[in-house]
């Protein structure tokens, strides 16, 4: 056997070993891939995603699609092959893990944060849609999570609006926290809560935890609307980036005629209570997801416009959306004339 043959035989297992190491060694990166798109004007499990009780609704043709990104979870490993695929693909992206997640982030913490942001974005979306329609509403405090082993367990429910404690009005989470601390451990409290549009009074007694009076709930600033609006999106979709599309979907559901004139629209962006559309991560992957589902027009947060221009958008028009009102104006203009001039993304900083 020649020296070259021996070298070849030795090289094969070494090469296999190197590839095995490349596949098994985790790298400190996170991959972004195009995710699902969901029509918020559509249905899920046989029920309309946007449900309204106490107000006339208008169900029309057309689609308003929120867009998502598949992101590596904080406790998942990414190997060299996955990183290389992400770098090569025009629709995927790779980022250092430290840029996406704080040190020590767990899957459960990330999921919980995403769920919290989703609930908050839905409340803001309803508020912004009603503001656009000139409908008044007030501030409130919503129960986001309940510890079943705490005093609130079996008494309060997720989604309850806390109206008052011992007759004193509650508007913000801070108001409720102060009321519990003032009562102290062992003192029964009467809470008036609104659940599914009906008020009721419940009693519970705070317990001492970490040296303070606690009742075992997590709260969110929210609103008290004159009628009930719920968004039944898949609980696996988290984060705040669907806020704009929720708001547009609610607005369309509460107004006659199709906001999209029967067309297929997609977009993304957080929504602030004042109607401002905020930036999101993974804009290029979201544009790719929309392109793959035949979307005609894509709404881009103003701060994401420069990055969006680098995406493979195909025949889609990229429309700059700085506020909810801007987005409504753009869609109404487009519905009247698909060739009309609309606010466009440019390479300039917004």
Protein backbone atom coordinates (compact mmCIF):
# COMPACT_ATOMS: atom_id res chain seq x y z
CA UNK A 1 0.00 0.00 0.00
CA UNK A 2 1.48 3.34 -1.03
CA UNK A 3 2.06 6.32 1.24
CA UNK A 4 -0.60 8.26 -0.69
CA UNK A 5 -3.15 5.50 -0.08
CA UNK A 6 -2.40 5.47 3.65
CA UNK A 7 -2.76 9.24 3.75
CA UNK A 8 -6.11 8.99 1.99
CA UNK A 9 -7.37 6.35 4.40
CA UNK A 10 -6.35 8.47 7.39
CA UNK A 11 -7.88 11.62 5.91
CA UNK A 12 -11.38 10.12 5.57
CA UNK A 13 -12.02 9.54 9.32
CA UNK A 14 -10.40 12.88 10.12
CA UNK A 15 -12.71 14.62 7.69
CA UNK A 16 -15.70 12.78 9.16
CA UNK A 17 -14.59 13.79 12.65
CA UNK A 18 -14.27 17.44 11.62
CA UNK A 19 -17.74 17.45 10.10
CA UNK A 20 -19.11 15.79 13.24
CA UNK A 21 -17.51 18.49 15.38
CA UNK A 22 -18.95 21.18 13.09
CA UNK A 23 -22.42 19.67 13.41
CA UNK A 24 -22.31 19.11 17.17
CA UNK A 25 -20.47 22.21 18.40
CA UNK A 26 -22.96 24.96 19.32
CA UNK A 27 -22.13 28.44 18.08
CA UNK A 28 -23.22 31.73 19.73
CA UNK A 29 -25.56 32.75 16.91
CA UNK A 30 -29.29 32.98 16.26
CA UNK A 31 -30.92 32.37 12.88
CA UNK A 32 -33.92 34.24 11.45
CA UNK A 33 -36.12 32.56 8.81
CA UNK A 34 -39.39 33.60 7.13
CA UNK A 35 -42.32 32.48 9.27
CA UNK A 36 -46.08 32.17 8.94
CA UNK A 37 -48.41 34.87 7.69
CA UNK A 38 -51.87 35.03 9.26
CA UNK A 39 -54.93 36.84 7.90
CA UNK A 40 -56.34 38.70 10.92
CA UNK A 41 -59.62 39.12 9.02
CA UNK A 42 -59.85 35.35 8.66
CA UNK A 43 -60.93 32.58 11.00
CA UNK A 44 -59.22 30.13 13.35
CA UNK A 45 -60.84 26.88 14.45
CA UNK A 46 -64.08 27.97 12.83
CA UNK A 47 -64.24 31.35 14.61
CA UNK A 48 -63.38 34.81 13.33
CA UNK A 49 -60.00 35.88 14.69
CA UNK A 50 -61.33 39.35 15.52
CA UNK A 51 -64.43 38.99 17.71
CA UNK A 52 -66.62 41.97 18.65
CA UNK A 53 -69.53 41.95 21.09
CA UNK A 54 -71.84 44.92 21.54
CA UNK A 55 -71.08 46.69 18.26
CA UNK A 56 -72.09 46.14 14.65
CA UNK A 57 -69.40 44.51 12.53
CA UNK A 58 -68.76 44.33 8.79
CA UNK A 59 -67.20 41.19 7.33
CA UNK A 60 -65.84 41.88 3.86
CA UNK A 61 -63.48 40.41 1.28
CA UNK A 62 -59.75 40.94 1.35
CA UNK A 63 -56.91 39.98 3.67
CA UNK A 64 -54.76 41.78 6.22
CA UNK A 65 -51.85 39.48 7.02
CA UNK A 66 -49.57 39.76 10.01
CA UNK A 67 -46.10 38.34 9.36
CA UNK A 68 -43.82 36.31 11.60
CA UNK A 69 -40.22 35.14 11.81
CA UNK A 70 -38.88 31.80 12.97
CA UNK A 71 -36.13 32.68 15.48
CA UNK A 72 -33.82 30.22 17.23
CA UNK A 73 -34.93 29.86 20.84
CA UNK A 74 -32.45 31.04 23.52
CA UNK A 75 -31.72 27.52 24.81
CA UNK A 76 -31.45 25.95 21.34
CA UNK A 77 -28.11 25.29 19.69
CA UNK A 78 -27.05 26.50 16.25
CA UNK A 79 -24.28 24.64 14.44
CA UNK A 80 -21.90 25.65 11.67
CA UNK A 81 -24.08 24.21 8.91
CA UNK A 82 -27.11 26.23 10.04
CA UNK A 83 -25.02 29.39 10.30
CA UNK A 84 -23.63 28.88 6.80
CA UNK A 85 -27.12 28.27 5.38
CA UNK A 86 -28.34 31.47 7.00
CA UNK A 87 -25.45 33.48 5.61
CA UNK A 88 -25.89 32.10 2.10
CA UNK A 89 -29.70 32.43 1.89
CA UNK A 90 -31.09 35.74 0.64
CA UNK A 91 -34.22 35.26 2.81
CA UNK A 92 -32.52 34.28 6.07
CA UNK A 93 -30.23 36.07 8.51
CA UNK A 94 -27.73 35.27 11.26
CA UNK A 95 -27.14 37.42 14.34
CA UNK A 96 -24.93 37.04 17.42
CA UNK A 97 -27.02 35.57 20.24
CA UNK A 98 -25.99 38.38 22.61
CA UNK A 99 -27.68 40.89 20.28
CA UNK A 100 -31.01 39.05 20.37
CA UNK A 101 -31.20 37.65 23.91
CA UNK A 102 -29.87 38.90 27.27
CA UNK A 103 -27.32 36.67 29.03
CA UNK A 104 -28.92 33.67 30.73
CA UNK A 105 -32.26 34.03 28.91
CA UNK A 106 -34.38 30.84 29.07
CA UNK A 107 -37.01 29.54 26.67
CA UNK A 108 -39.70 29.96 29.34
CA UNK A 109 -38.71 33.54 30.11
CA UNK A 110 -38.66 34.37 26.41
CA UNK A 111 -42.09 32.77 25.88
CA UNK A 112 -43.57 34.62 28.83
CA UNK A 113 -42.17 37.95 27.67
CA UNK A 114 -43.53 37.33 24.17
CA UNK A 115 -46.99 36.49 25.53
CA UNK A 116 -46.98 39.64 27.67
CA UNK A 117 -45.99 41.79 24.70
CA UNK A 118 -48.70 40.17 22.56
CA UNK A 119 -51.45 40.92 25.10
CA UNK A 120 -50.23 44.49 25.51
CA UNK A 121 -50.06 45.01 21.73
CA UNK A 122 -53.62 43.75 21.28
CA UNK A 123 -54.95 46.18 23.89
CA UNK A 124 -53.06 49.05 22.26
CA UNK A 125 -54.35 47.98 18.85
CA UNK A 126 -57.97 48.17 20.00
CA UNK A 127 -57.33 51.57 21.58
CA UNK A 128 -55.72 52.96 18.42
CA UNK A 129 -58.47 51.60 16.16
CA UNK A 130 -61.18 53.13 18.36
CA UNK A 131 -59.31 56.44 18.48
CA UNK A 132 -59.18 56.45 14.67
CA UNK A 133 -62.95 55.92 14.71
CA UNK A 134 -63.56 58.67 17.29
CA UNK A 135 -64.85 56.26 19.97
CA UNK A 136 -64.09 57.19 23.60
CA UNK A 137 -62.74 54.78 26.22
CA UNK A 138 -60.95 54.88 29.58
CA UNK A 139 -57.83 53.47 31.22
CA UNK A 140 -57.88 50.29 33.29
CA UNK A 141 -55.71 47.61 34.90
CA UNK A 142 -55.81 44.10 33.43
CA UNK A 143 -54.83 40.84 35.12
CA UNK A 144 -52.23 39.16 32.90
CA UNK A 145 -51.25 36.15 35.04
CA UNK A 146 -52.53 34.51 38.24
CA UNK A 147 -50.55 32.27 40.61
CA UNK A 148 -52.97 29.40 41.38
CA UNK A 149 -51.36 28.90 44.80
CA UNK A 150 -51.62 32.57 45.82
CA UNK A 151 -54.63 34.37 47.34
CA UNK A 152 -55.83 35.41 43.87
CA UNK A 153 -55.83 31.80 42.65
CA UNK A 154 -59.39 30.67 41.90
CA UNK A 155 -60.66 34.20 42.58
CA UNK A 156 -59.25 36.37 39.81
CA UNK A 157 -58.87 35.29 36.18
CA UNK A 158 -56.56 36.32 33.36
CA UNK A 159 -58.25 39.17 31.49
CA UNK A 160 -60.12 40.60 34.50
CA UNK A 161 -60.17 44.39 34.69
CA UNK A 162 -59.75 45.58 38.28
CA UNK A 163 -62.10 48.55 38.75
CA UNK A 164 -61.80 49.27 42.48
CA UNK A 165 -60.45 48.03 45.82
CA UNK A 166 -62.61 48.59 48.91
CA UNK A 167 -64.53 51.19 46.93
CA UNK A 168 -61.45 53.15 45.82
CA UNK A 169 -61.10 53.37 42.02
CA UNK A 170 -58.18 51.59 40.35
CA UNK A 171 -56.85 52.93 37.04
CA UNK A 172 -53.23 51.80 36.81
CA UNK A 173 -51.26 48.76 38.02
CA UNK A 174 -49.49 51.09 40.44
CA UNK A 175 -52.86 51.97 42.02
CA UNK A 176 -53.58 48.30 42.69
CA UNK A 177 -50.11 47.58 44.04
CA UNK A 178 -50.40 50.50 46.47
CA UNK A 179 -53.85 49.30 47.62
CA UNK A 180 -52.53 45.81 48.37
CA UNK A 181 -49.51 47.18 50.26
CA UNK A 182 -51.75 49.55 52.24
CA UNK A 183 -54.07 46.71 53.26
CA UNK A 184 -51.18 44.54 54.43
CA UNK A 185 -51.00 40.77 54.91
CA UNK A 186 -54.01 39.12 56.54
CA UNK A 187 -56.52 41.90 55.81
CA UNK A 188 -59.43 40.95 53.55
CA UNK A 189 -59.97 43.14 50.51
CA UNK A 190 -63.03 43.58 48.28
CA UNK A 191 -62.16 43.96 44.60
CA UNK A 192 -64.64 45.03 41.94
CA UNK A 193 -63.63 43.47 38.65
CA UNK A 194 -65.05 43.47 35.16
CA UNK A 195 -65.05 40.06 33.48
CA UNK A 196 -66.37 39.61 29.94
CA UNK A 197 -68.31 42.87 30.23
CA UNK A 198 -69.93 42.05 33.60
CA UNK A 199 -68.95 43.59 36.94
CA UNK A 200 -68.63 41.48 40.07
CA UNK A 201 -67.16 41.87 43.57
CA UNK A 202 -64.71 39.30 44.91
CA UNK A 203 -62.87 39.04 48.23
CA UNK A 204 -59.34 37.89 48.95
CA UNK A 205 -56.73 38.27 51.67
CA UNK A 206 -53.14 39.28 50.83
CA UNK A 207 -50.30 37.12 52.13
CA UNK A 208 -46.78 38.11 53.03
CA UNK A 209 -44.10 37.28 50.47
CA UNK A 210 -40.57 38.68 50.40
CA UNK A 211 -41.56 40.98 53.23
CA UNK A 212 -44.51 42.56 51.38
CA UNK A 213 -48.23 42.00 50.99
CA UNK A 214 -48.97 40.09 47.78
CA UNK A 215 -52.05 38.62 46.13
CA UNK A 216 -50.25 36.67 43.38
CA UNK A 217 -51.08 38.38 40.10
CA UNK A 218 -49.24 40.14 37.30
CA UNK A 219 -50.86 43.26 35.88
CA UNK A 220 -50.80 45.27 32.67
CA UNK A 221 -51.93 48.81 31.94
CA UNK A 222 -54.99 48.43 29.74
CA UNK A 223 -58.25 50.10 28.76
CA UNK A 224 -61.96 49.89 29.46
CA UNK A 225 -63.72 49.86 26.12
CA UNK A 226 -67.44 50.54 25.51
CA UNK A 227 -67.75 47.12 23.86
CA UNK A 228 -65.70 43.93 23.87
CA UNK A 229 -63.04 43.23 21.26
CA UNK A 230 -60.88 40.09 21.35
CA UNK A 231 -58.19 38.84 18.99
CA UNK A 232 -58.00 35.04 18.93
CA UNK A 233 -54.52 34.54 17.55
CA UNK A 234 -52.50 31.35 17.99
CA UNK A 235 -50.84 31.51 21.43
CA UNK A 236 -47.56 30.32 19.89
CA UNK A 237 -47.26 33.70 18.15
CA UNK A 238 -45.76 36.17 20.61
CA UNK A 239 -44.26 39.62 20.69
CA UNK A 240 -45.59 43.09 19.87
CA UNK A 241 -44.85 43.27 16.14
CA UNK A 242 -48.41 42.49 14.96
CA UNK A 243 -49.83 45.61 16.61
CA UNK A 244 -50.35 47.60 13.40
CA UNK A 245 -52.05 44.72 11.58
CA UNK A 246 -54.33 44.03 14.57
CA UNK A 247 -55.32 47.70 14.66
CA UNK A 248 -56.07 47.78 10.92
CA UNK A 249 -58.05 44.55 11.19
CA UNK A 250 -60.17 45.89 14.04
CA UNK A 251 -60.73 49.16 12.17
CA UNK A 252 -61.80 47.27 9.04
CA UNK A 253 -64.13 45.01 11.04
CA UNK A 254 -65.88 48.02 12.58
CA UNK A 255 -66.31 49.97 9.34
CA UNK A 256 -68.44 49.19 6.27
CA UNK A 257 -66.65 48.22 3.08
CA UNK A 258 -63.33 46.50 2.56
CA UNK A 259 -60.27 48.50 3.60
CA UNK A 260 -58.24 46.43 1.12
CA UNK A 261 -60.87 46.47 -1.67
CA UNK A 262 -60.62 42.69 -1.67
CA UNK A 263 -56.83 42.69 -2.07
CA UNK A 264 -54.16 40.90 -0.06
CA UNK A 265 -52.16 43.21 2.23
CA UNK A 266 -49.44 42.30 4.71
CA UNK A 267 -47.31 44.28 7.10
CA UNK A 268 -45.69 44.55 10.47
CA UNK A 269 -44.93 47.06 13.21
CA UNK A 270 -45.58 47.65 16.87
CA UNK A 271 -48.34 50.08 17.75
CA UNK A 272 -48.14 52.71 20.49
CA UNK A 273 -51.25 54.09 22.20
CA UNK A 274 -50.78 57.34 20.26
CA UNK A 275 -50.93 55.43 16.97
CA UNK A 276 -47.22 55.57 16.14
CA UNK A 277 -45.87 52.49 14.35
CA UNK A 278 -42.63 51.23 15.87
CA UNK A 279 -39.76 49.20 14.40
CA UNK A 280 -39.46 45.42 14.59
CA UNK A 281 -36.80 42.77 14.04
CA UNK A 282 -36.54 40.48 11.03
CA UNK A 283 -38.12 42.85 8.50
CA UNK A 284 -36.42 41.18 5.53
CA UNK A 285 -37.61 37.72 6.62
CA UNK A 286 -41.15 39.04 7.07
CA UNK A 287 -41.12 40.55 3.59
CA UNK A 288 -39.93 37.19 2.24
CA UNK A 289 -42.76 35.40 4.06
CA UNK A 290 -45.30 37.80 2.55
CA UNK A 291 -43.82 37.48 -0.94
CA UNK A 292 -44.21 33.71 -0.76
CA UNK A 293 -47.98 34.06 -0.07
CA UNK A 294 -48.89 36.36 -2.96
CA UNK A 295 -49.16 39.65 -1.07
CA UNK A 296 -49.67 42.76 -3.21
CA UNK A 297 -48.65 45.50 -0.78
CA UNK A 298 -46.52 45.44 2.37
CA UNK A 299 -46.70 48.03 5.18
CA UNK A 300 -43.25 48.81 6.61
CA UNK A 301 -42.55 50.73 9.83
CA UNK A 302 -40.78 53.97 8.94
CA UNK A 303 -37.71 53.07 11.00
CA UNK A 304 -37.35 49.76 9.11
CA UNK A 305 -37.57 51.24 5.62
CA UNK A 306 -33.86 51.38 4.83
CA UNK A 307 -33.37 47.73 5.85
CA UNK A 308 -36.54 46.68 4.00
CA UNK A 309 -35.12 47.89 0.71
CA UNK A 310 -32.52 45.12 0.92
CA UNK A 311 -35.18 42.38 0.94
CA UNK A 312 -36.22 40.39 -2.10
CA UNK A 313 -39.74 41.85 -2.31
CA UNK A 314 -40.65 40.66 -5.81
CA UNK A 315 -43.71 42.45 -7.19
CA UNK A 316 -44.88 43.73 -3.79
CA UNK A 317 -45.06 47.44 -3.14
CA UNK A 318 -43.32 48.50 0.08
CA UNK A 319 -45.31 51.29 1.74
CA UNK A 320 -43.93 53.40 4.56
CA UNK A 321 -46.25 53.46 7.60
CA UNK A 322 -45.29 55.96 10.31
CA UNK A 323 -48.67 55.88 12.07
CA UNK A 324 -51.90 53.92 12.04
CA UNK A 325 -53.62 56.91 10.40
CA UNK A 326 -50.98 56.95 7.65
CA UNK A 327 -51.60 53.25 7.03
CA UNK A 328 -55.36 53.73 6.77
CA UNK A 329 -54.88 56.63 4.35
CA UNK A 330 -52.48 54.59 2.22
CA UNK A 331 -54.83 51.59 2.03
CA UNK A 332 -57.85 53.74 1.17
CA UNK A 333 -55.84 55.48 -1.56
CA UNK A 334 -54.58 52.16 -2.91
CA UNK A 335 -58.09 50.66 -2.86
CA UNK A 336 -59.33 53.53 -5.05
CA UNK A 337 -56.36 53.33 -7.41
CA UNK A 338 -53.75 50.54 -7.13
CA UNK A 339 -51.38 52.63 -9.24
CA UNK A 340 -51.67 55.72 -7.02
CA UNK A 341 -48.60 57.26 -5.45
CA UNK A 342 -48.15 56.05 -1.86
CA UNK A 343 -45.63 56.85 0.91
CA UNK A 344 -42.60 54.86 -0.17
CA UNK A 345 -39.59 53.48 1.62
CA UNK A 346 -36.35 55.22 0.68
CA UNK A 347 -32.72 54.73 1.58
CA UNK A 348 -32.79 57.78 3.85
CA UNK A 349 -32.97 57.41 7.64
CA UNK A 350 -36.45 57.94 9.04
